[in-house]
């Protein structure tokens, strides 16, 4: 005979939330597989699991036994760790729950029903355009059932069992309420995730255990009937943008109104002191800038949903090899798009503000700031979490992931990549390669890998080829002024002063191990340009069918001159010309340009 549960205190709430987090984590891959709304980008499961794990950690860290303190800890950690559309909705749901439980030590069945109703209302209020047939519908039907039945029973376990059955019934009706779900033949992924959350809670109430349950068959049946190819709705807004800000008396209503014209799927959740923003937009830079006017930006995340969607459509079955690099890699946007290359952005630091390279700030904007202000500009490696998030998303769709990055002698990016994939179930399928270079030379290495992937070469053969190809790449950077090397701390004031007085212009390159070294030193700008070109041509003459790539920092005329001169010596069909990555330009400075040369030895 099951023991009746008359109350929920902080301890029971904590353990039930940990159980529900385990259940959602267990089912995250299946949730990703049926994710079609609001965008078929295949990350609902990952986002909900990550959000729930953050919530569980917050609950576990709280030492109080009162439901007031535990629910507050849950709400805070939900706001800090929310990811994606579904995560933001859960964050506001738990904010509402904590609001209603404030000052209480424990609650009975009636109080639970009232708190659930408030939580669902707050979640719905946070969304700019709530839609029926989503997680909101299932939440509402669940809360209504609790309120209808709470007066007829004092047994919370019985009440939760009945409300779970109602939630499952509501879930099965979601395709009838949302056209895109019916077309795809699935239930709403966020709603299914909420049902899994409830399953975890009920499982704990029944057994007292927080371990994971057996995977159910219901979602497996949903996946069998999934017709992803029928999900052909265009993606109007390309970037899923999220921000977490902290301030004083943040006006969420005003902030929501200000952001409403920038996209859809807008959710603004939180408290007057801390707010999380979620929006699908084509202008993530303006979203982030607007958020900053309301408080200090704590975190931000921007995902390219069109790329995620294309990957899912193309990779509904497991494909061969995914290609990943970082934003110090200089390739044209067209090439990156065509070859479906995943980019992890490095962090640009301008005074005390951080930006994701090429997403929140374009190189040209970075260089204008470098040129016109005395702000402190630096770059830093991406966090390990950025790599983990990307690997989590793409690893299920590929048999291998090839991750090629800036020289380990120049940055901790490779270390972050290794940390990001460490101890993950797919770790043995992620191959991380030190390019021993950067910028245009890294771009040539990644381009070579992309071409070999398209030839369907085995991953071991590609890795061996890239390591051999790497040995023949050279990269020569002209430095027109020493002031940026001084400003970035790469040159002492004494050396900079002496070099400036003598009109010395250095040309830097990278050693075979990937360390910065001086290739030459000349006097005068014309000699600098000629010598940089000559060094590149000399190396090219040692190669069979050499290829070239040119980058520049607000110096398009010099870049074009390099291309013209190269074509006088070699019959090359195409020379890729791009803006130099800020990681290079912050040291080389405005007016710098560089030539990368690659090929096989004669």
Protein backbone atom coordinates (compact mmCIF):
# COMPACT_ATOMS: atom_id res chain seq x y z
CA UNK A 1 0.00 0.00 0.00
CA UNK A 2 1.39 3.38 -1.02
CA UNK A 3 1.93 5.97 1.66
CA UNK A 4 -0.25 9.06 1.27
CA UNK A 5 1.65 12.33 1.00
CA UNK A 6 -0.05 15.14 2.91
CA UNK A 7 2.52 17.88 2.35
CA UNK A 8 5.55 18.96 0.34
CA UNK A 9 8.38 20.67 2.18
CA UNK A 10 11.72 21.94 0.89
CA UNK A 11 13.37 18.53 1.07
CA UNK A 12 10.64 16.82 -1.00
CA UNK A 13 10.61 19.66 -3.53
CA UNK A 14 14.38 19.50 -3.88
CA UNK A 15 14.45 15.74 -4.45
CA UNK A 16 11.51 15.75 -6.83
CA UNK A 17 13.17 18.47 -8.93
CA UNK A 18 16.42 16.49 -9.08
CA UNK A 19 14.40 13.45 -10.20
CA UNK A 20 12.64 15.48 -12.88
CA UNK A 21 15.97 16.90 -14.10
CA UNK A 22 17.29 13.35 -14.42
CA UNK A 23 14.21 12.33 -16.40
CA UNK A 24 14.49 15.24 -18.85
CA UNK A 25 18.21 14.61 -19.24
CA UNK A 26 17.49 10.96 -20.02
CA UNK A 27 15.05 11.93 -22.78
CA UNK A 28 16.88 14.91 -24.29
CA UNK A 29 17.93 13.19 -27.53
CA UNK A 30 14.39 12.06 -28.28
CA UNK A 31 13.12 15.58 -27.56
CA UNK A 32 15.67 17.01 -29.98
CA UNK A 33 14.50 14.53 -32.60
CA UNK A 34 10.87 15.80 -32.55
CA UNK A 35 11.67 19.52 -32.23
CA UNK A 36 9.85 21.42 -35.00
CA UNK A 37 8.32 24.45 -33.22
CA UNK A 38 8.94 27.37 -33.12
CA UNK A 39 11.89 26.40 -35.34
CA UNK A 40 13.06 22.93 -36.35
CA UNK A 41 16.57 23.46 -34.98
CA UNK A 42 16.83 20.23 -32.98
CA UNK A 43 17.81 21.64 -29.60
CA UNK A 44 14.70 21.62 -27.39
CA UNK A 45 15.87 18.54 -25.50
CA UNK A 46 19.38 19.91 -25.01
CA UNK A 47 18.02 23.27 -23.83
CA UNK A 48 15.48 21.78 -21.42
CA UNK A 49 17.99 19.29 -20.02
CA UNK A 50 20.59 22.03 -19.51
CA UNK A 51 18.03 24.29 -17.83
CA UNK A 52 16.82 21.51 -15.52
CA UNK A 53 20.37 20.50 -14.60
CA UNK A 54 21.07 24.12 -13.61
CA UNK A 55 17.87 24.10 -11.53
CA UNK A 56 18.83 20.81 -9.86
CA UNK A 57 22.28 22.14 -8.96
CA UNK A 58 20.73 25.26 -7.44
CA UNK A 59 18.27 23.22 -5.39
CA UNK A 60 20.95 20.80 -4.23
CA UNK A 61 23.18 23.66 -3.07
CA UNK A 62 20.42 25.15 -0.88
CA UNK A 63 20.72 23.81 2.67
CA UNK A 64 17.31 24.98 3.94
CA UNK A 65 14.40 22.60 4.51
CA UNK A 66 11.74 25.25 3.87
CA UNK A 67 9.84 25.21 0.59
CA UNK A 68 10.22 29.00 0.47
CA UNK A 69 14.02 28.88 0.38
CA UNK A 70 14.24 25.87 -1.95
CA UNK A 71 11.76 27.35 -4.44
CA UNK A 72 13.70 30.64 -4.41
CA UNK A 73 16.94 28.76 -5.11
CA UNK A 74 15.21 26.90 -7.94
CA UNK A 75 13.90 30.16 -9.45
CA UNK A 76 17.30 31.87 -9.27
CA UNK A 77 19.16 28.95 -10.84
CA UNK A 78 16.45 28.59 -13.52
CA UNK A 79 16.91 32.22 -14.50
CA UNK A 80 20.71 31.92 -14.55
CA UNK A 81 20.78 28.64 -16.46
CA UNK A 82 17.78 28.89 -18.80
CA UNK A 83 18.49 27.95 -22.41
CA UNK A 84 16.26 28.29 -25.42
CA UNK A 85 12.57 29.00 -25.77
CA UNK A 86 11.49 26.15 -23.51
CA UNK A 87 14.13 26.95 -20.89
CA UNK A 88 13.00 30.57 -20.68
CA UNK A 89 9.39 29.45 -20.20
CA UNK A 90 10.45 27.08 -17.41
CA UNK A 91 12.44 29.89 -15.79
CA UNK A 92 9.35 32.09 -15.56
CA UNK A 93 7.22 29.14 -14.42
CA UNK A 94 9.56 28.60 -11.47
CA UNK A 95 9.64 32.37 -10.79
CA UNK A 96 5.87 32.27 -10.41
CA UNK A 97 6.02 29.17 -8.21
CA UNK A 98 8.56 30.82 -5.90
CA UNK A 99 6.42 33.96 -5.76
CA UNK A 100 3.40 32.01 -4.48
CA UNK A 101 5.47 29.89 -2.05
CA UNK A 102 7.19 32.87 -0.43
CA UNK A 103 7.10 32.70 3.37
CA UNK A 104 5.86 29.09 3.50
CA UNK A 105 7.63 26.19 5.21
CA UNK A 106 5.54 23.49 3.52
CA UNK A 107 2.35 23.21 1.48
CA UNK A 108 -0.67 20.91 1.18
CA UNK A 109 -2.59 19.81 -1.92
CA UNK A 110 -4.68 22.97 -2.13
CA UNK A 111 -1.63 25.25 -1.80
CA UNK A 112 0.16 23.23 -4.48
CA UNK A 113 -2.73 23.73 -6.90
CA UNK A 114 -2.83 27.49 -6.25
CA UNK A 115 0.96 27.81 -6.69
CA UNK A 116 0.84 25.81 -9.94
CA UNK A 117 -1.86 28.09 -11.32
CA UNK A 118 0.17 31.22 -10.50
CA UNK A 119 3.30 29.67 -12.04
CA UNK A 120 1.49 28.91 -15.31
CA UNK A 121 -0.01 32.40 -15.46
CA UNK A 122 3.41 33.98 -15.00
CA UNK A 123 4.90 31.76 -17.73
CA UNK A 124 2.14 32.75 -20.18
CA UNK A 125 2.47 36.47 -19.30
CA UNK A 126 6.20 36.40 -20.13
CA UNK A 127 5.60 35.45 -23.77
CA UNK A 128 4.83 38.13 -26.34
CA UNK A 129 2.68 35.87 -28.55
CA UNK A 130 1.59 32.70 -26.70
CA UNK A 131 0.43 29.86 -28.97
CA UNK A 132 -1.92 27.01 -28.22
CA UNK A 133 -0.60 23.49 -28.81
CA UNK A 134 2.70 24.19 -27.05
CA UNK A 135 4.15 23.66 -23.58
CA UNK A 136 1.89 26.48 -22.38
CA UNK A 137 -1.25 24.53 -23.28
CA UNK A 138 -0.10 21.43 -21.41
CA UNK A 139 0.96 23.53 -18.41
CA UNK A 140 -2.45 25.21 -18.32
CA UNK A 141 -4.42 21.95 -18.60
CA UNK A 142 -2.24 20.40 -15.88
CA UNK A 143 -2.79 23.35 -13.52
CA UNK A 144 -6.55 23.43 -14.19
CA UNK A 145 -6.78 19.74 -13.30
CA UNK A 146 -4.87 20.34 -10.05
CA UNK A 147 -7.26 23.12 -9.07
CA UNK A 148 -10.34 21.10 -9.96
CA UNK A 149 -9.26 18.02 -7.96
CA UNK A 150 -7.40 19.56 -5.00
CA UNK A 151 -10.61 20.04 -3.05
CA UNK A 152 -11.51 16.34 -3.28
CA UNK A 153 -8.23 14.82 -2.00
CA UNK A 154 -5.54 15.59 0.54
CA UNK A 155 -3.13 13.06 -1.01
CA UNK A 156 -0.60 14.99 -3.10
CA UNK A 157 0.71 11.78 -4.70
CA UNK A 158 -2.79 10.92 -5.93
CA UNK A 159 -3.32 14.49 -7.14
CA UNK A 160 -0.05 14.49 -9.08
CA UNK A 161 -0.83 11.12 -10.68
CA UNK A 162 -4.14 12.41 -11.97
CA UNK A 163 -2.66 15.67 -13.21
CA UNK A 164 0.13 13.79 -15.03
CA UNK A 165 -2.49 11.74 -16.85
CA UNK A 166 -4.24 14.99 -17.81
CA UNK A 167 -0.95 16.50 -19.04
CA UNK A 168 -0.33 13.44 -21.23
CA UNK A 169 -3.85 13.69 -22.63
CA UNK A 170 -3.26 17.38 -23.39
CA UNK A 171 0.10 16.54 -24.99
CA UNK A 172 -1.55 14.15 -27.47
CA UNK A 173 -3.86 16.97 -28.58
CA UNK A 174 -1.04 19.42 -29.43
CA UNK A 175 -0.86 18.38 -33.12
CA UNK A 176 -4.56 19.28 -33.48
CA UNK A 177 -3.86 22.79 -32.18
CA UNK A 178 -0.65 23.58 -34.07
CA UNK A 179 -0.54 22.96 -37.81
CA UNK A 180 3.23 22.46 -38.06
CA UNK A 181 3.07 19.60 -35.52
CA UNK A 182 0.32 17.82 -37.41
CA UNK A 183 2.22 18.18 -40.67
CA UNK A 184 5.34 16.69 -39.09
CA UNK A 185 3.42 13.96 -37.27
CA UNK A 186 4.72 14.77 -33.78
CA UNK A 187 3.66 16.30 -30.49
CA UNK A 188 5.24 19.53 -29.28
CA UNK A 189 8.77 18.88 -28.00
CA UNK A 190 8.58 21.49 -25.22
CA UNK A 191 5.26 20.07 -24.05
CA UNK A 192 6.69 16.55 -24.13
CA UNK A 193 9.61 17.81 -22.07
CA UNK A 194 7.24 19.25 -19.47
CA UNK A 195 5.48 15.88 -19.28
CA UNK A 196 8.86 14.21 -18.66
CA UNK A 197 9.49 16.76 -15.90
CA UNK A 198 6.19 15.73 -14.28
CA UNK A 199 7.05 12.04 -14.74
CA UNK A 200 10.22 12.56 -12.74
CA UNK A 201 8.31 14.23 -9.91
CA UNK A 202 5.63 11.51 -9.78
CA UNK A 203 8.30 8.79 -9.91
CA UNK A 204 9.99 10.32 -6.88
CA UNK A 205 6.69 10.67 -4.99
CA UNK A 206 5.92 6.99 -5.67
CA UNK A 207 9.33 5.49 -4.95
CA UNK A 208 11.34 8.03 -3.00
CA UNK A 209 14.09 7.55 -5.61
CA UNK A 210 15.70 10.23 -7.75
CA UNK A 211 17.39 7.86 -10.18
CA UNK A 212 16.30 7.80 -13.83
CA UNK A 213 13.26 5.83 -14.94
CA UNK A 214 12.99 3.40 -17.81
CA UNK A 215 12.62 5.25 -21.10
CA UNK A 216 8.98 5.27 -22.18
CA UNK A 217 7.69 4.07 -25.53
CA UNK A 218 5.33 6.97 -26.19
CA UNK A 219 7.97 9.31 -27.55
CA UNK A 220 9.54 6.49 -29.55
CA UNK A 221 6.21 6.02 -31.31
CA UNK A 222 6.10 9.77 -31.98
CA UNK A 223 9.53 9.69 -33.57
CA UNK A 224 8.52 6.78 -35.81
CA UNK A 225 5.74 8.89 -37.31
CA UNK A 226 7.94 11.97 -37.68
CA UNK A 227 8.03 13.43 -41.21
CA UNK A 228 10.79 16.05 -40.99
CA UNK A 229 10.81 16.58 -44.73
CA UNK A 230 7.29 18.00 -44.48
CA UNK A 231 8.48 20.81 -42.19
CA UNK A 232 9.08 23.34 -44.93
CA UNK A 233 8.07 26.57 -43.18
CA UNK A 234 10.65 29.28 -43.93
CA UNK A 235 12.76 30.61 -41.05
CA UNK A 236 12.02 34.34 -40.98
CA UNK A 237 14.48 35.15 -38.21
CA UNK A 238 17.86 33.47 -38.30
CA UNK A 239 19.38 33.90 -34.85
CA UNK A 240 18.17 32.57 -31.51
CA UNK A 241 19.49 35.27 -29.18
CA UNK A 242 19.58 35.10 -25.40
CA UNK A 243 20.82 37.60 -22.82
CA UNK A 244 20.94 37.64 -19.03
CA UNK A 245 21.16 41.11 -17.50
CA UNK A 246 21.40 42.38 -13.93
CA UNK A 247 20.31 45.79 -12.76
CA UNK A 248 17.96 47.76 -10.54
CA UNK A 249 14.21 48.13 -11.12
CA UNK A 250 14.37 46.64 -14.63
CA UNK A 251 11.11 47.41 -16.44
CA UNK A 252 10.37 44.09 -18.16
CA UNK A 253 7.24 45.38 -19.88
CA UNK A 254 9.08 48.33 -21.41
CA UNK A 255 12.00 46.09 -22.41
CA UNK A 256 9.61 43.64 -24.08
CA UNK A 257 7.95 46.47 -26.01
CA UNK A 258 11.32 47.78 -27.15
CA UNK A 259 12.44 44.37 -28.43
CA UNK A 260 9.13 43.31 -29.98
CA UNK A 261 9.87 44.79 -33.41
CA UNK A 262 13.22 42.95 -33.68
CA UNK A 263 11.86 39.42 -34.14
CA UNK A 264 9.51 36.78 -32.79
CA UNK A 265 9.41 34.10 -30.05
CA UNK A 266 10.17 36.93 -27.63
CA UNK A 267 10.25 35.96 -23.96
CA UNK A 268 11.31 38.37 -21.21
CA UNK A 269 11.46 36.67 -17.81
CA UNK A 270 12.86 37.35 -14.37
CA UNK A 271 12.69 39.90 -11.59
CA UNK A 272 13.25 43.66 -11.31
CA UNK A 273 16.93 42.92 -10.59
CA UNK A 274 17.69 40.12 -13.05
CA UNK A 275 16.11 39.43 -16.44
CA UNK A 276 16.59 36.81 -19.15
CA UNK A 277 15.71 37.64 -22.75
CA UNK A 278 14.99 35.10 -25.47
CA UNK A 279 14.18 36.18 -29.04
CA UNK A 280 14.47 34.94 -32.62
CA UNK A 281 15.91 37.83 -34.62
CA UNK A 282 17.97 38.88 -37.63
CA UNK A 283 19.70 41.59 -35.60
CA UNK A 284 21.30 40.01 -32.51
CA UNK A 285 23.70 42.93 -32.14
CA UNK A 286 20.83 45.38 -31.55
CA UNK A 287 19.14 42.97 -29.15
CA UNK A 288 22.29 42.74 -27.03
CA UNK A 289 22.88 46.50 -27.22
CA UNK A 290 19.29 47.17 -26.10
CA UNK A 291 19.62 44.71 -23.22
CA UNK A 292 22.73 46.53 -22.01
CA UNK A 293 20.79 49.78 -21.63
CA UNK A 294 18.75 48.10 -18.88
CA UNK A 295 21.60 46.59 -16.87
CA UNK A 296 24.91 44.78 -16.86
CA UNK A 297 25.16 41.96 -19.39
CA UNK A 298 26.04 38.77 -17.50
CA UNK A 299 25.83 36.27 -20.36
CA UNK A 300 24.68 36.12 -23.96
CA UNK A 301 24.25 33.32 -26.49
CA UNK A 302 23.49 33.52 -30.21
CA UNK A 303 22.69 30.43 -32.30
CA UNK A 304 22.38 30.34 -36.09
CA UNK A 305 19.01 28.60 -36.47
CA UNK A 306 19.13 28.38 -40.26
CA UNK A 307 22.35 26.42 -40.06
CA UNK A 308 20.91 24.20 -37.33
CA UNK A 309 17.81 23.56 -39.43
CA UNK A 310 19.80 22.78 -42.59
CA UNK A 311 21.95 20.40 -40.62
CA UNK A 312 18.95 18.55 -39.24
CA UNK A 313 17.25 18.28 -42.62
CA UNK A 314 20.46 17.02 -44.23
CA UNK A 315 21.48 14.86 -41.31
CA UNK A 316 18.27 13.25 -40.15
CA UNK A 317 20.31 10.12 -40.62
CA UNK A 318 23.89 10.02 -39.35
CA UNK A 319 26.31 11.54 -41.86
CA UNK A 320 30.06 11.39 -41.99
CA UNK A 321 32.16 14.27 -40.66
CA UNK A 322 31.32 17.66 -39.16
CA UNK A 323 33.89 20.44 -39.52
CA UNK A 324 34.43 22.93 -36.67
CA UNK A 325 36.83 25.86 -36.30
CA UNK A 326 36.99 29.13 -34.38
CA UNK A 327 36.46 32.71 -35.53
CA UNK A 328 40.18 33.43 -35.88
CA UNK A 329 39.82 31.36 -39.06
CA UNK A 330 39.56 33.76 -42.01
CA UNK A 331 37.30 32.37 -44.72
CA UNK A 332 34.57 34.07 -46.72
CA UNK A 333 31.03 33.85 -45.37
CA UNK A 334 30.00 32.21 -48.64
CA UNK A 335 32.55 29.42 -48.25
CA UNK A 336 31.57 28.80 -44.63
CA UNK A 337 27.90 28.66 -45.62
CA UNK A 338 28.46 26.41 -48.63
CA UNK A 339 30.51 23.86 -46.71
CA UNK A 340 28.43 23.99 -43.51
CA UNK A 341 31.42 24.84 -41.31
CA UNK A 342 30.66 25.40 -37.63
CA UNK A 343 32.33 28.43 -36.05
CA UNK A 344 32.96 28.88 -32.31
CA UNK A 345 33.40 32.63 -31.71
CA UNK A 346 36.36 33.96 -29.77
CA UNK A 347 35.60 36.67 -27.22
CA UNK A 348 36.31 40.31 -28.02
CA UNK A 349 36.86 42.46 -24.96
CA UNK A 350 36.36 46.24 -25.27
CA UNK A 351 37.09 47.83 -21.92
CA UNK A 352 34.77 45.89 -19.56
CA UNK A 353 32.33 44.69 -22.24
CA UNK A 354 32.54 41.27 -23.93
CA UNK A 355 31.30 40.41 -27.43
CA UNK A 356 31.18 37.23 -29.50
CA UNK A 357 33.41 37.71 -32.55
CA UNK A 358 31.53 37.99 -35.88
CA UNK A 359 28.16 37.52 -34.15
CA UNK A 360 27.78 40.39 -31.72
CA UNK A 361 30.51 42.38 -33.44
CA UNK A 362 31.83 42.26 -37.00
CA UNK A 363 35.58 42.72 -37.71
CA UNK A 364 35.01 46.04 -39.49
CA UNK A 365 33.22 47.44 -36.41
CA UNK A 366 36.02 46.18 -34.17
CA UNK A 367 38.63 47.90 -36.35
CA UNK A 368 36.74 51.20 -36.35
CA UNK A 369 36.79 51.14 -32.56
CA UNK A 370 40.48 50.23 -32.63
CA UNK A 371 41.17 53.12 -35.01
CA UNK A 372 39.07 55.86 -33.42
CA UNK A 373 39.24 55.26 -29.66
CA UNK A 374 41.72 54.51 -26.94
CA UNK A 375 39.56 51.77 -25.48
CA UNK A 376 41.35 48.71 -24.18
CA UNK A 377 40.83 46.01 -26.81
CA UNK A 378 41.81 42.40 -26.31
CA UNK A 379 40.69 38.97 -27.46
CA UNK A 380 40.33 35.78 -25.46
CA UNK A 381 39.58 32.13 -26.10
CA UNK A 382 36.00 30.84 -26.22
CA UNK A 383 34.82 29.23 -22.97
CA UNK A 384 34.82 25.44 -22.78
CA UNK A 385 31.04 25.57 -22.49
CA UNK A 386 30.76 27.04 -25.99
CA UNK A 387 32.52 23.97 -27.40
CA UNK A 388 30.46 21.57 -25.28
CA UNK A 389 27.21 23.19 -26.40
CA UNK A 390 28.19 22.91 -30.05
CA UNK A 391 29.51 19.35 -29.78
CA UNK A 392 26.33 18.33 -27.91
CA UNK A 393 24.23 19.60 -30.80
CA UNK A 394 26.15 18.20 -33.74
CA UNK A 395 27.78 14.99 -32.47
CA UNK A 396 24.55 12.92 -32.67
CA UNK A 397 24.29 13.72 -36.39
CA UNK A 398 27.82 12.74 -37.45
CA UNK A 399 30.08 9.75 -37.19
CA UNK A 400 33.02 12.10 -36.47
CA UNK A 401 33.72 15.76 -35.67
CA UNK A 402 36.90 17.39 -37.00
CA UNK A 403 37.77 20.47 -34.94
CA UNK A 404 40.67 22.59 -36.30
CA UNK A 405 41.82 25.64 -34.33
CA UNK A 406 44.27 28.47 -33.85
CA UNK A 407 47.79 27.51 -32.79
CA UNK A 408 48.04 26.27 -29.23
CA UNK A 409 51.14 28.47 -28.87
CA UNK A 410 48.97 31.56 -29.46
CA UNK A 411 45.74 30.80 -27.61
CA UNK A 412 44.04 28.53 -25.10
CA UNK A 413 41.27 27.78 -27.61
CA UNK A 414 42.36 24.17 -28.16
CA UNK A 415 42.50 23.61 -24.41
CA UNK A 416 38.92 24.91 -24.16
CA UNK A 417 37.86 22.57 -26.98
CA UNK A 418 39.41 19.59 -25.20
CA UNK A 419 37.70 20.54 -21.96
CA UNK A 420 34.40 20.96 -23.78
CA UNK A 421 34.39 17.44 -25.17
CA UNK A 422 36.05 15.73 -22.20
CA UNK A 423 34.06 12.94 -20.55
CA UNK A 424 31.25 13.26 -23.07
CA UNK A 425 29.83 10.08 -24.64
CA UNK A 426 30.95 11.26 -28.08
CA UNK A 427 34.50 12.25 -27.01
CA UNK A 428 36.16 9.46 -29.00
CA UNK A 429 34.56 10.81 -32.19
CA UNK A 430 35.88 14.38 -31.81
CA UNK A 431 39.29 14.89 -33.45
CA UNK A 432 40.93 18.16 -32.36
CA UNK A 433 43.79 19.44 -34.54
CA UNK A 434 46.26 22.20 -33.70
CA UNK A 435 46.63 24.18 -36.94
CA UNK A 436 49.87 25.74 -35.64
CA UNK A 437 48.77 28.94 -37.37
CA UNK A 438 45.85 31.38 -37.55
CA UNK A 439 43.85 33.75 -39.75
CA UNK A 440 44.13 33.15 -43.52
CA UNK A 441 46.49 30.20 -43.06
CA UNK A 442 44.03 28.52 -40.71
CA UNK A 443 41.35 29.27 -43.30
CA UNK A 444 43.32 27.43 -45.98
CA UNK A 445 43.73 24.42 -43.70
CA UNK A 446 40.01 24.32 -42.90
CA UNK A 447 39.14 24.76 -46.59
CA UNK A 448 41.33 21.78 -47.45
CA UNK A 449 39.58 19.69 -44.80
CA UNK A 450 36.18 20.74 -46.20
CA UNK A 451 37.17 19.59 -49.69
CA UNK A 452 38.39 16.21 -48.43
CA UNK A 453 35.21 15.73 -46.42
CA UNK A 454 33.21 16.32 -49.60
CA UNK A 455 35.31 13.65 -51.30
CA UNK A 456 34.01 11.23 -48.61
CA UNK A 457 37.49 10.42 -47.36
CA UNK A 458 37.75 8.51 -44.03
CA UNK A 459 38.42 10.70 -41.02
CA UNK A 460 41.83 9.12 -40.27
CA UNK A 461 42.93 9.80 -43.84
CA UNK A 462 41.73 13.41 -43.62
CA UNK A 463 43.56 13.99 -40.32
CA UNK A 464 46.80 12.57 -41.76
CA UNK A 465 46.44 14.73 -44.88
CA UNK A 466 45.73 17.91 -42.88
CA UNK A 467 48.77 17.34 -40.69
CA UNK A 468 50.90 16.91 -43.83
CA UNK A 469 49.28 19.89 -45.56
CA UNK A 470 49.87 22.01 -42.42
CA UNK A 471 53.64 21.57 -42.76
CA UNK A 472 53.70 23.47 -46.08
CA UNK A 473 51.58 26.50 -45.18
CA UNK A 474 53.31 29.84 -44.62
CA UNK A 475 51.79 33.08 -43.40
CA UNK A 476 53.41 36.53 -43.70
CA UNK A 477 51.96 39.61 -41.96
CA UNK A 478 53.07 43.16 -42.72
CA UNK A 479 53.11 45.53 -39.71
CA UNK A 480 52.86 49.17 -40.93
CA UNK A 481 53.12 50.72 -37.46
CA UNK A 482 54.42 49.57 -34.10
CA UNK A 483 51.81 51.40 -32.03
CA UNK A 484 49.33 48.53 -32.03
CA UNK A 485 51.96 46.01 -30.93
CA UNK A 486 52.78 48.44 -28.12
CA UNK A 487 49.10 48.96 -27.29
CA UNK A 488 48.41 45.23 -27.13
CA UNK A 489 51.45 44.57 -24.96
CA UNK A 490 53.38 42.55 -27.58
CA UNK A 491 56.17 45.14 -27.71
CA UNK A 492 57.92 47.11 -24.97
CA UNK A 493 57.74 50.90 -25.02
CA UNK A 494 61.52 51.15 -25.43
CA UNK A 495 61.60 48.89 -28.50
CA UNK A 496 58.56 50.58 -29.99
CA UNK A 497 60.14 54.03 -29.62
CA UNK A 498 63.43 52.91 -31.15
CA UNK A 499 61.71 51.14 -34.04
CA UNK A 500 59.50 54.16 -34.74
CA UNK A 501 62.49 56.53 -34.78
CA UNK A 502 64.27 54.28 -37.28
CA UNK A 503 61.09 53.78 -39.37
CA UNK A 504 61.42 50.03 -38.94
CA UNK A 505 58.58 47.87 -40.22
CA UNK A 506 58.53 44.21 -39.16
CA UNK A 507 57.08 41.25 -41.03
CA UNK A 508 55.94 38.45 -38.76
CA UNK A 509 55.30 34.80 -39.49
CA UNK A 510 54.78 31.60 -37.55
CA UNK A 511 57.30 28.89 -36.82
CA UNK A 512 56.57 25.24 -37.70
CA UNK A 513 55.52 24.83 -34.03
CA UNK A 514 53.06 27.72 -34.30
CA UNK A 515 55.01 30.42 -32.45
CA UNK A 516 55.20 34.04 -33.60
CA UNK A 517 58.59 34.94 -35.08
CA UNK A 518 60.05 37.75 -37.12
CA UNK A 519 60.43 36.94 -40.83
CA UNK A 520 62.12 40.22 -41.83
CA UNK A 521 62.51 43.87 -40.92
CA UNK A 522 62.61 46.76 -43.41
CA UNK A 523 62.57 50.53 -43.49
CA UNK A 524 59.59 52.28 -45.06
CA UNK A 525 56.08 51.27 -46.14
CA UNK A 526 56.92 50.50 -49.79
CA UNK A 527 59.74 48.19 -48.78
CA UNK A 528 57.41 46.54 -46.27
CA UNK A 529 54.83 45.73 -48.93
CA UNK A 530 57.41 44.50 -51.43
CA UNK A 531 59.24 42.34 -48.89
CA UNK A 532 56.02 40.73 -47.62
CA UNK A 533 55.07 39.89 -51.19
CA UNK A 534 58.53 38.54 -51.98
CA UNK A 535 58.56 36.25 -48.95
CA UNK A 536 55.22 34.81 -50.02
CA UNK A 537 56.34 34.37 -53.65
CA UNK A 538 59.61 32.73 -52.59
CA UNK A 539 57.72 30.11 -50.61
CA UNK A 540 55.20 29.66 -53.41
CA UNK A 541 58.01 28.80 -55.84
CA UNK A 542 58.85 25.78 -53.65
CA UNK A 543 55.31 24.39 -54.04
CA UNK A 544 53.41 22.62 -56.76
CA UNK A 545 50.27 24.57 -57.81
CA UNK A 546 50.45 27.01 -54.90
CA UNK A 547 47.29 28.61 -53.51
CA UNK A 548 46.99 32.03 -51.89
CA UNK A 549 44.73 33.84 -49.44
CA UNK A 550 44.96 37.50 -48.43
CA UNK A 551 43.54 39.24 -45.36
CA UNK A 552 43.64 42.87 -44.29
CA UNK A 553 42.67 45.26 -41.49
CA UNK A 554 40.91 48.15 -43.23
CA UNK A 555 43.50 48.00 -46.05
CA UNK A 556 41.58 46.78 -49.14
CA UNK A 557 43.84 48.63 -51.61
CA UNK A 558 46.95 46.89 -50.29
CA UNK A 559 45.16 43.52 -50.34
CA UNK A 560 44.15 44.07 -53.97
CA UNK A 561 47.71 45.06 -54.88
CA UNK A 562 49.02 41.84 -53.37
CA UNK A 563 46.50 39.87 -55.47
CA UNK A 564 47.50 41.68 -58.66
CA UNK A 565 51.18 41.03 -58.04
CA UNK A 566 50.61 37.35 -57.23
CA UNK A 567 48.73 36.89 -60.52
CA UNK A 568 51.71 38.33 -62.42
CA UNK A 569 53.80 35.42 -61.15
CA UNK A 570 51.33 32.55 -60.86
CA UNK A 571 48.33 31.39 -62.84
CA UNK A 572 45.83 31.27 -59.98
CA UNK A 573 42.10 31.26 -60.65
CA UNK A 574 40.97 32.56 -57.29
CA UNK A 575 42.52 34.34 -54.31
CA UNK A 576 40.25 34.62 -51.30
CA UNK A 577 40.33 38.13 -49.78
CA UNK A 578 38.71 38.71 -46.38
CA UNK A 579 38.86 40.97 -43.33
CA UNK A 580 41.54 39.81 -40.92
CA UNK A 581 40.23 38.35 -37.68
CA UNK A 582 40.37 40.76 -34.71
CA UNK A 583 42.67 38.25 -32.98
CA UNK A 584 45.28 39.15 -35.62
CA UNK A 585 44.33 42.76 -36.25
CA UNK A 586 44.42 43.86 -32.62
CA UNK A 587 48.20 43.27 -32.74
CA UNK A 588 49.05 43.92 -36.41
CA UNK A 589 46.93 47.07 -36.43
CA UNK A 590 45.00 49.16 -38.90
CA UNK A 591 46.53 49.10 -42.37
CA UNK A 592 48.12 45.68 -41.96
CA UNK A 593 47.70 42.92 -44.52
CA UNK A 594 48.87 39.33 -44.76
CA UNK A 595 49.42 36.63 -47.35
CA UNK A 596 48.96 32.92 -46.72
CA UNK A 597 50.49 30.39 -49.13
CA UNK A 598 49.74 26.67 -49.27
CA UNK A 599 50.33 23.71 -51.53
CA UNK A 600 52.24 20.47 -51.88
CA UNK A 601 56.04 20.52 -52.11
CA UNK A 602 57.65 20.15 -55.56
